[in-house]
N, C-alpha and C. Protein backbone atom coordinates (compact mmCIF):
# COMPACT_ATOMS: atom_id res chain seq x y z
N MET A 1 -77.93 56.38 -30.05
CA MET A 1 -76.88 56.03 -30.63
C MET A 1 -75.77 55.41 -29.73
N PHE A 2 -75.09 54.45 -30.11
CA PHE A 2 -74.29 53.77 -29.07
C PHE A 2 -72.75 54.17 -29.41
N ALA A 3 -72.07 54.21 -28.31
CA ALA A 3 -70.55 54.58 -28.64
C ALA A 3 -69.91 53.39 -29.25
N LYS A 4 -68.99 53.77 -30.02
CA LYS A 4 -68.15 52.77 -30.62
C LYS A 4 -67.29 52.18 -29.53
N GLN A 5 -67.08 50.84 -29.60
CA GLN A 5 -66.37 50.16 -28.68
C GLN A 5 -65.09 49.48 -29.42
N VAL A 6 -64.07 49.40 -28.72
CA VAL A 6 -62.81 48.81 -29.41
C VAL A 6 -62.95 47.31 -29.56
N LYS A 7 -62.65 46.85 -30.72
CA LYS A 7 -62.52 45.38 -30.97
C LYS A 7 -61.46 45.01 -31.75
N ILE A 8 -61.21 43.78 -31.84
CA ILE A 8 -60.08 43.21 -32.50
C ILE A 8 -59.96 43.54 -33.95
N GLY A 9 -58.89 44.40 -34.45
CA GLY A 9 -58.93 44.73 -35.88
C GLY A 9 -58.96 46.17 -35.98
N ASP A 10 -59.59 46.82 -34.94
CA ASP A 10 -59.61 48.34 -34.81
C ASP A 10 -58.05 48.95 -34.64
N LYS A 11 -58.08 50.25 -34.94
CA LYS A 11 -56.85 50.96 -34.76
C LYS A 11 -57.46 52.12 -33.65
N VAL A 12 -56.47 52.21 -32.78
CA VAL A 12 -56.93 53.18 -31.80
C VAL A 12 -55.64 54.33 -31.68
N LEU A 13 -56.21 55.41 -31.14
CA LEU A 13 -55.24 56.48 -30.91
C LEU A 13 -55.33 56.63 -29.44
N VAL A 14 -54.12 56.56 -28.79
CA VAL A 14 -54.09 56.55 -27.39
C VAL A 14 -52.81 57.41 -26.99
N ILE A 15 -53.00 58.09 -25.68
CA ILE A 15 -52.06 58.89 -25.24
C ILE A 15 -51.35 58.11 -23.87
N ILE A 16 -50.03 57.76 -23.96
CA ILE A 16 -49.36 57.20 -22.95
C ILE A 16 -48.29 58.00 -22.48
N ASN A 17 -48.14 58.32 -21.25
CA ASN A 17 -47.06 59.29 -20.73
C ASN A 17 -46.88 60.56 -21.71
N ASN A 18 -47.97 61.03 -21.94
CA ASN A 18 -48.05 62.46 -22.55
C ASN A 18 -47.42 62.32 -24.13
N GLU A 19 -47.56 60.96 -24.59
CA GLU A 19 -47.16 60.76 -25.99
C GLU A 19 -48.31 60.04 -26.71
N ALA A 20 -48.88 60.46 -27.97
CA ALA A 20 -49.64 59.87 -28.74
C ALA A 20 -49.26 58.90 -29.53
N LYS A 21 -49.90 57.74 -29.58
CA LYS A 21 -49.57 56.45 -30.29
C LYS A 21 -50.79 55.87 -31.00
N GLU A 22 -50.57 55.43 -32.19
CA GLU A 22 -51.63 54.91 -32.85
C GLU A 22 -51.35 53.35 -32.80
N LEU A 23 -52.23 52.36 -32.53
CA LEU A 23 -52.07 51.04 -32.46
C LEU A 23 -53.29 50.31 -33.06
N GLU A 24 -52.79 49.12 -33.49
CA GLU A 24 -53.93 48.29 -34.19
C GLU A 24 -53.89 46.99 -33.31
N ILE A 25 -55.12 46.69 -32.92
CA ILE A 25 -55.38 45.45 -32.13
C ILE A 25 -55.59 44.26 -33.19
N VAL A 26 -54.47 43.43 -33.02
CA VAL A 26 -54.60 42.35 -33.92
C VAL A 26 -54.71 41.01 -33.31
N ASP A 27 -55.36 40.05 -34.31
CA ASP A 27 -55.65 38.72 -33.78
C ASP A 27 -54.60 37.77 -34.12
N LEU A 28 -53.68 38.11 -33.27
CA LEU A 28 -52.37 37.29 -33.49
C LEU A 28 -51.71 37.09 -32.10
N PRO A 29 -51.10 35.72 -31.78
CA PRO A 29 -50.53 35.65 -30.52
C PRO A 29 -49.41 36.64 -30.19
N LYS A 30 -48.87 37.16 -31.23
CA LYS A 30 -47.78 38.16 -31.03
C LYS A 30 -47.91 39.29 -31.92
N GLY A 31 -47.73 40.51 -31.33
CA GLY A 31 -48.02 41.69 -32.13
C GLY A 31 -46.78 42.08 -32.79
N ASP A 32 -46.35 43.33 -33.46
CA ASP A 32 -45.34 43.87 -33.83
C ASP A 32 -45.24 45.40 -33.41
N LEU A 33 -44.79 45.70 -32.28
CA LEU A 33 -45.01 46.98 -31.79
C LEU A 33 -44.27 48.05 -32.73
N SER A 34 -43.20 47.58 -33.28
CA SER A 34 -42.39 48.62 -34.08
C SER A 34 -43.42 49.00 -35.40
N HIS A 35 -44.38 48.17 -35.61
CA HIS A 35 -45.26 48.63 -36.80
C HIS A 35 -46.65 48.94 -36.11
N GLY A 36 -46.75 49.33 -34.90
CA GLY A 36 -47.92 49.67 -34.15
C GLY A 36 -49.00 48.60 -34.01
N LYS A 37 -48.64 47.31 -34.22
CA LYS A 37 -49.61 46.29 -34.04
C LYS A 37 -49.35 45.57 -32.53
N VAL A 38 -50.53 45.53 -31.90
CA VAL A 38 -50.52 44.75 -30.59
C VAL A 38 -51.35 43.57 -30.44
N SER A 39 -50.95 42.65 -29.86
CA SER A 39 -51.76 41.43 -29.74
C SER A 39 -52.96 41.51 -29.09
N PHE A 40 -54.01 40.86 -29.18
CA PHE A 40 -55.19 41.03 -28.41
C PHE A 40 -54.96 40.38 -27.18
N LEU A 41 -54.00 39.58 -27.02
CA LEU A 41 -53.53 39.05 -25.58
C LEU A 41 -52.64 39.89 -24.79
N SER A 42 -52.11 41.01 -25.41
CA SER A 42 -51.27 41.93 -24.63
C SER A 42 -52.04 42.61 -23.54
N PRO A 43 -51.39 43.14 -22.36
CA PRO A 43 -52.27 43.76 -21.38
C PRO A 43 -52.95 45.14 -21.76
N ILE A 44 -52.14 45.85 -22.74
CA ILE A 44 -52.71 47.15 -23.28
C ILE A 44 -54.15 46.78 -24.02
N ALA A 45 -53.96 45.74 -25.01
CA ALA A 45 -55.20 45.29 -25.76
C ALA A 45 -56.34 44.89 -24.78
N LYS A 46 -55.90 44.08 -23.81
CA LYS A 46 -57.09 43.48 -22.84
C LYS A 46 -57.72 44.64 -22.29
N ALA A 47 -56.98 45.76 -21.97
CA ALA A 47 -57.65 46.72 -21.09
C ALA A 47 -58.45 47.61 -22.07
N LEU A 48 -58.15 47.68 -23.24
CA LEU A 48 -58.92 48.38 -24.22
C LEU A 48 -60.04 47.76 -24.90
N LEU A 49 -59.96 46.69 -25.21
CA LEU A 49 -61.01 45.82 -25.72
C LEU A 49 -62.39 46.24 -25.15
N GLY A 50 -63.47 46.60 -25.81
CA GLY A 50 -64.64 46.94 -25.15
C GLY A 50 -64.93 48.26 -24.65
N LYS A 51 -63.91 48.94 -24.80
CA LYS A 51 -63.90 50.39 -24.08
C LYS A 51 -64.27 51.27 -25.28
N SER A 52 -65.10 52.52 -24.89
CA SER A 52 -65.10 53.50 -25.92
C SER A 52 -64.21 54.82 -25.41
N TYR A 53 -64.40 55.89 -26.36
CA TYR A 53 -63.66 56.95 -26.18
C TYR A 53 -64.41 58.18 -25.91
N PRO A 54 -64.04 59.30 -25.44
CA PRO A 54 -62.62 59.46 -24.75
C PRO A 54 -62.74 58.84 -23.28
N GLN A 55 -61.95 58.11 -22.93
CA GLN A 55 -61.80 57.84 -21.38
C GLN A 55 -60.39 57.41 -21.08
N ILE A 56 -60.09 57.52 -19.88
CA ILE A 56 -58.77 56.90 -19.23
C ILE A 56 -58.99 55.47 -18.72
N ILE A 57 -57.98 54.72 -19.10
CA ILE A 57 -58.16 53.31 -18.87
C ILE A 57 -56.79 52.86 -18.06
N LYS A 58 -57.08 52.26 -17.04
CA LYS A 58 -55.95 51.69 -16.18
C LYS A 58 -55.38 50.33 -16.83
N VAL A 59 -54.30 50.22 -17.09
CA VAL A 59 -53.59 49.06 -17.73
C VAL A 59 -52.68 48.48 -16.77
N LYS A 60 -52.94 47.06 -16.36
CA LYS A 60 -52.05 46.42 -15.53
C LYS A 60 -50.86 45.72 -16.31
N LEU A 61 -49.59 46.30 -16.02
CA LEU A 61 -48.41 45.80 -16.79
C LEU A 61 -48.02 44.59 -16.19
N PRO A 62 -47.07 43.90 -16.78
CA PRO A 62 -46.77 42.54 -16.33
C PRO A 62 -46.03 42.40 -15.17
N ASN A 63 -45.37 43.71 -14.71
CA ASN A 63 -44.64 43.77 -13.71
C ASN A 63 -45.46 44.09 -12.41
N GLY A 64 -46.76 44.21 -12.66
CA GLY A 64 -47.61 44.46 -11.57
C GLY A 64 -48.02 45.92 -11.50
N GLU A 65 -47.32 47.05 -12.10
CA GLU A 65 -47.52 48.22 -11.97
C GLU A 65 -48.75 48.73 -12.95
N MET A 66 -49.34 49.82 -12.50
CA MET A 66 -50.49 50.22 -13.39
C MET A 66 -50.10 51.33 -13.99
N MET A 67 -50.69 51.57 -15.22
CA MET A 67 -50.30 52.55 -16.32
C MET A 67 -51.75 53.08 -16.72
N ASP A 68 -51.71 54.47 -16.88
CA ASP A 68 -52.98 55.38 -17.39
C ASP A 68 -52.72 55.28 -19.00
N CYS A 69 -53.70 55.07 -19.57
CA CYS A 69 -53.81 55.24 -21.10
C CYS A 69 -54.97 55.88 -21.45
N LYS A 70 -55.02 56.96 -22.10
CA LYS A 70 -56.19 57.88 -22.60
C LYS A 70 -56.47 57.28 -23.96
N LEU A 71 -57.84 56.72 -24.05
CA LEU A 71 -58.27 56.38 -25.32
C LEU A 71 -58.86 57.67 -26.09
N MET A 72 -58.37 58.02 -27.19
CA MET A 72 -58.85 59.37 -27.76
C MET A 72 -59.76 59.07 -29.07
N LYS A 73 -59.49 57.88 -29.75
CA LYS A 73 -59.94 57.65 -31.07
C LYS A 73 -59.94 56.26 -31.41
N ILE A 74 -61.16 55.69 -32.05
CA ILE A 74 -61.27 54.40 -32.58
C ILE A 74 -61.55 54.34 -34.11
N SER A 75 -60.68 53.67 -34.85
CA SER A 75 -61.08 53.61 -36.34
C SER A 75 -60.84 52.19 -36.92
N HIS A 76 -61.34 51.98 -38.11
CA HIS A 76 -60.97 50.72 -38.73
C HIS A 76 -59.79 50.67 -39.51
C-alpha cells in the first residue's frame, strides 16, 4: 500500500508554530488564506506537494528564512 501524497485540491492538516491549521491547496494563482485556501504557487504549497504524512517539512519563506511545517493529515 502506498502512502497518500499531497496534490492540488487536497486539504491538509499542518502544525506551524505549535498551531494546527487546515489548508486547501488550490489551482489558482492566488489563494485566500482567510478561508484556508493556499495557491499551489505559494511556498508552503510547493513544499507540501508530493509529500506524505506524518513528516516535518522545511518551507523556504520569501524572505529566505526556513520554517518547519508538520504534515499531520491529508483529505479531499
